[in-house]
């Protein structure tokens, strides 16, 4: 009388990364820590550069931080998909979104806070830099994505040089699109 059975819905087969089911939890954790460590190293380099040039040029710092945010998209996506091991595809997307969101927040705000002298922390100059970073992130970097310069080069320069139609078609395949990256850009 009274044994409770916990029942949950099974995962959809297409959500499971079958090739990763054999990997131990320790190896998954080790790879996750290595990935996070490499992201922290990039953020430390960003802090050092921002700290060095903060007093000299606020525009340079804002552009540099925005470029690092753009490069974080590429780096974190690469690390999450190639270094880390996830058994569920949605877990991989969640991991990518969380790491990108946290890294970009640290890069855009905390690094700027740490690089600025104490008397200027909430000053007009620092607030204008934060606004400039947000504007560059909101308009310039998405414009780069829309123009898709790499895709244009592939279609205009490299595709005509291919010998077979199959090879040419490879240059017209669209860029991979991740919802987790787009969510991190909204924040």
Protein backbone atom coordinates (compact mmCIF):
# COMPACT_ATOMS: atom_id res chain seq x y z
CA UNK A 1 0.00 0.00 0.00
CA UNK A 2 1.33 3.35 -0.99
CA UNK A 3 4.55 2.99 -3.07
CA UNK A 4 4.99 5.97 -5.34
CA UNK A 5 6.38 5.60 -8.81
CA UNK A 6 8.02 8.61 -10.43
CA UNK A 7 7.30 8.73 -14.12
CA UNK A 8 8.75 11.17 -16.60
CA UNK A 9 8.41 11.56 -20.32
CA UNK A 10 11.19 9.98 -22.35
CA UNK A 11 13.53 12.18 -24.37
CA UNK A 12 12.85 12.43 -28.06
CA UNK A 13 15.36 10.26 -29.95
CA UNK A 14 16.51 13.16 -32.15
CA UNK A 15 17.46 15.14 -29.01
CA UNK A 16 19.87 12.47 -27.80
CA UNK A 17 23.49 12.57 -28.92
CA UNK A 18 23.86 8.81 -29.14
CA UNK A 19 27.59 8.96 -29.85
CA UNK A 20 28.22 10.64 -26.45
CA UNK A 21 26.28 8.29 -24.16
CA UNK A 22 29.38 6.26 -23.27
CA UNK A 23 31.37 9.26 -21.98
CA UNK A 24 31.85 9.37 -18.21
CA UNK A 25 30.58 12.25 -16.08
CA UNK A 26 34.16 12.98 -15.00
CA UNK A 27 35.32 13.48 -18.60
CA UNK A 28 32.30 15.70 -19.32
CA UNK A 29 33.09 17.82 -16.25
CA UNK A 30 36.79 18.01 -17.14
CA UNK A 31 36.00 19.23 -20.67
CA UNK A 32 33.47 21.75 -19.35
CA UNK A 33 36.04 23.14 -16.90
CA UNK A 34 38.63 23.40 -19.68
CA UNK A 35 36.11 25.25 -21.85
CA UNK A 36 35.21 27.66 -19.05
CA UNK A 37 38.91 28.17 -18.28
CA UNK A 38 39.66 29.15 -21.87
CA UNK A 39 36.74 31.61 -21.85
CA UNK A 40 38.05 33.10 -18.59
CA UNK A 41 41.50 33.47 -20.19
CA UNK A 42 39.98 35.46 -23.07
CA UNK A 43 38.14 37.64 -20.55
CA UNK A 44 41.37 38.24 -18.61
CA UNK A 45 43.10 39.31 -21.82
CA UNK A 46 40.17 41.62 -22.53
CA UNK A 47 40.52 43.09 -19.02
CA UNK A 48 44.25 43.67 -19.51
CA UNK A 49 43.77 45.43 -22.88
CA UNK A 50 40.81 47.49 -21.61
CA UNK A 51 42.70 48.45 -18.46
CA UNK A 52 45.71 49.53 -20.53
CA UNK A 53 43.77 51.71 -22.97
CA UNK A 54 40.88 52.92 -20.79
CA UNK A 55 42.35 56.34 -20.04
CA UNK A 56 43.63 56.92 -23.58
CA UNK A 57 40.62 56.23 -25.76
CA UNK A 58 37.08 55.47 -24.70
CA UNK A 59 36.01 54.82 -28.29
CA UNK A 60 38.79 52.27 -28.75
CA UNK A 61 37.76 50.48 -25.54
CA UNK A 62 34.12 50.37 -26.61
CA UNK A 63 34.99 49.01 -30.06
CA UNK A 64 37.47 46.54 -28.57
CA UNK A 65 34.92 45.20 -26.08
CA UNK A 66 32.33 44.84 -28.85
CA UNK A 67 34.82 43.00 -31.06
CA UNK A 68 35.65 40.67 -28.15
CA UNK A 69 31.90 40.06 -27.73
CA UNK A 70 31.73 39.14 -31.42
CA UNK A 71 34.74 36.82 -31.09
CA UNK A 72 33.19 35.26 -27.99
CA UNK A 73 30.29 34.12 -30.20
CA UNK A 74 32.73 32.21 -32.39
CA UNK A 75 34.97 30.90 -29.59
CA UNK A 76 32.25 29.79 -27.20
CA UNK A 77 30.30 28.11 -30.01
CA UNK A 78 33.46 26.26 -31.10
CA UNK A 79 34.32 25.17 -27.55
CA UNK A 80 30.78 24.07 -26.73
CA UNK A 81 30.38 22.04 -29.92
CA UNK A 82 33.90 20.61 -30.26
CA UNK A 83 35.44 20.42 -26.79
CA UNK A 84 32.54 19.80 -24.44
CA UNK A 85 30.54 16.60 -24.53
CA UNK A 86 26.77 16.69 -24.08
CA UNK A 87 24.41 13.73 -24.21
CA UNK A 88 21.40 15.91 -25.05
CA UNK A 89 21.34 18.47 -27.85
CA UNK A 90 19.16 20.85 -25.87
CA UNK A 91 21.68 20.70 -23.00
CA UNK A 92 24.37 21.76 -25.48
CA UNK A 93 22.27 24.75 -26.58
CA UNK A 94 21.55 25.74 -22.97
CA UNK A 95 25.25 25.48 -22.11
CA UNK A 96 26.15 27.64 -25.11
CA UNK A 97 23.56 30.29 -24.26
CA UNK A 98 24.51 30.49 -20.56
CA UNK A 99 28.25 30.74 -21.21
CA UNK A 100 27.79 33.34 -23.94
CA UNK A 101 25.40 35.45 -21.88
CA UNK A 102 27.60 35.40 -18.78
CA UNK A 103 30.83 36.02 -20.73
CA UNK A 104 29.33 38.94 -22.66
CA UNK A 105 27.92 40.50 -19.48
CA UNK A 106 31.30 40.20 -17.80
CA UNK A 107 33.07 41.61 -20.84
CA UNK A 108 30.64 44.49 -21.40
CA UNK A 109 30.14 45.67 -17.84
CA UNK A 110 32.33 44.13 -15.15
CA UNK A 111 35.56 44.50 -17.12
CA UNK A 112 34.75 48.13 -17.80
CA UNK A 113 33.99 48.59 -14.09
CA UNK A 114 37.30 46.98 -13.08
CA UNK A 115 39.30 49.00 -15.62
CA UNK A 116 37.93 52.37 -14.59
CA UNK A 117 39.42 54.35 -11.71
CA UNK A 118 37.29 54.37 -8.55
CA UNK A 119 36.36 58.05 -8.80
CA UNK A 120 35.01 57.51 -12.33
CA UNK A 121 33.05 54.30 -11.68
CA UNK A 122 29.61 55.87 -12.06
CA UNK A 123 30.81 58.94 -13.88
CA UNK A 124 29.50 60.30 -17.13
CA UNK A 125 32.48 58.99 -19.13
CA UNK A 126 32.00 55.41 -18.01
CA UNK A 127 28.25 55.49 -18.57
CA UNK A 128 28.82 56.87 -22.07
CA UNK A 129 31.21 53.97 -22.75
CA UNK A 130 28.62 51.46 -21.59
CA UNK A 131 26.04 53.08 -23.89
CA UNK A 132 28.53 53.06 -26.77
CA UNK A 133 29.24 49.34 -26.20
CA UNK A 134 25.53 48.57 -26.14
CA UNK A 135 24.93 50.55 -29.33
CA UNK A 136 27.82 48.89 -31.17
CA UNK A 137 26.63 45.47 -30.00
CA UNK A 138 23.05 46.29 -30.98
CA UNK A 139 23.69 47.68 -34.47
CA UNK A 140 27.20 47.16 -35.84
CA UNK A 141 27.75 43.49 -35.02
CA UNK A 142 24.29 42.36 -36.20
CA UNK A 143 24.93 44.32 -39.41
CA UNK A 144 28.08 42.24 -39.94
CA UNK A 145 25.95 39.12 -39.54
CA UNK A 146 23.38 40.36 -42.05
CA UNK A 147 25.96 41.29 -44.68
CA UNK A 148 27.59 37.83 -44.32
CA UNK A 149 30.90 38.85 -45.91
CA UNK A 150 32.36 35.34 -45.67
CA UNK A 151 29.36 33.89 -47.51
CA UNK A 152 29.56 36.55 -50.21
CA UNK A 153 33.26 35.81 -50.77
CA UNK A 154 32.55 32.10 -51.00
CA UNK A 155 29.71 32.57 -53.50
CA UNK A 156 31.39 35.22 -55.68
CA UNK A 157 35.07 34.21 -55.58
CA UNK A 158 35.40 30.53 -54.74
CA UNK A 159 32.23 28.95 -56.15
CA UNK A 160 33.00 29.79 -59.80
CA UNK A 161 36.42 28.14 -59.43
CA UNK A 162 34.96 24.75 -58.53
CA UNK A 163 34.97 22.00 -61.13
CA UNK A 164 31.85 20.05 -60.10
CA UNK A 165 28.35 21.23 -59.30
CA UNK A 166 28.43 19.45 -55.92
CA UNK A 167 31.55 21.35 -54.87
CA UNK A 168 30.03 24.61 -56.11
CA UNK A 169 26.83 23.97 -54.15
CA UNK A 170 28.85 23.71 -50.93
CA UNK A 171 29.69 27.42 -51.27
CA UNK A 172 25.99 28.32 -51.37
CA UNK A 173 25.00 26.56 -48.16
CA UNK A 174 23.84 29.11 -45.62
CA UNK A 175 25.55 29.87 -42.38
CA UNK A 176 24.69 27.77 -39.33
CA UNK A 177 22.17 29.56 -37.14
CA UNK A 178 21.92 28.98 -33.37
CA UNK A 179 18.99 30.19 -31.34
CA UNK A 180 21.16 30.15 -28.21
CA UNK A 181 23.57 32.67 -29.77
CA UNK A 182 20.68 34.96 -30.76
CA UNK A 183 19.22 34.80 -27.23
CA UNK A 184 22.56 35.82 -25.75
CA UNK A 185 22.70 38.80 -28.12
CA UNK A 186 19.29 40.03 -27.00
CA UNK A 187 20.43 40.26 -23.41
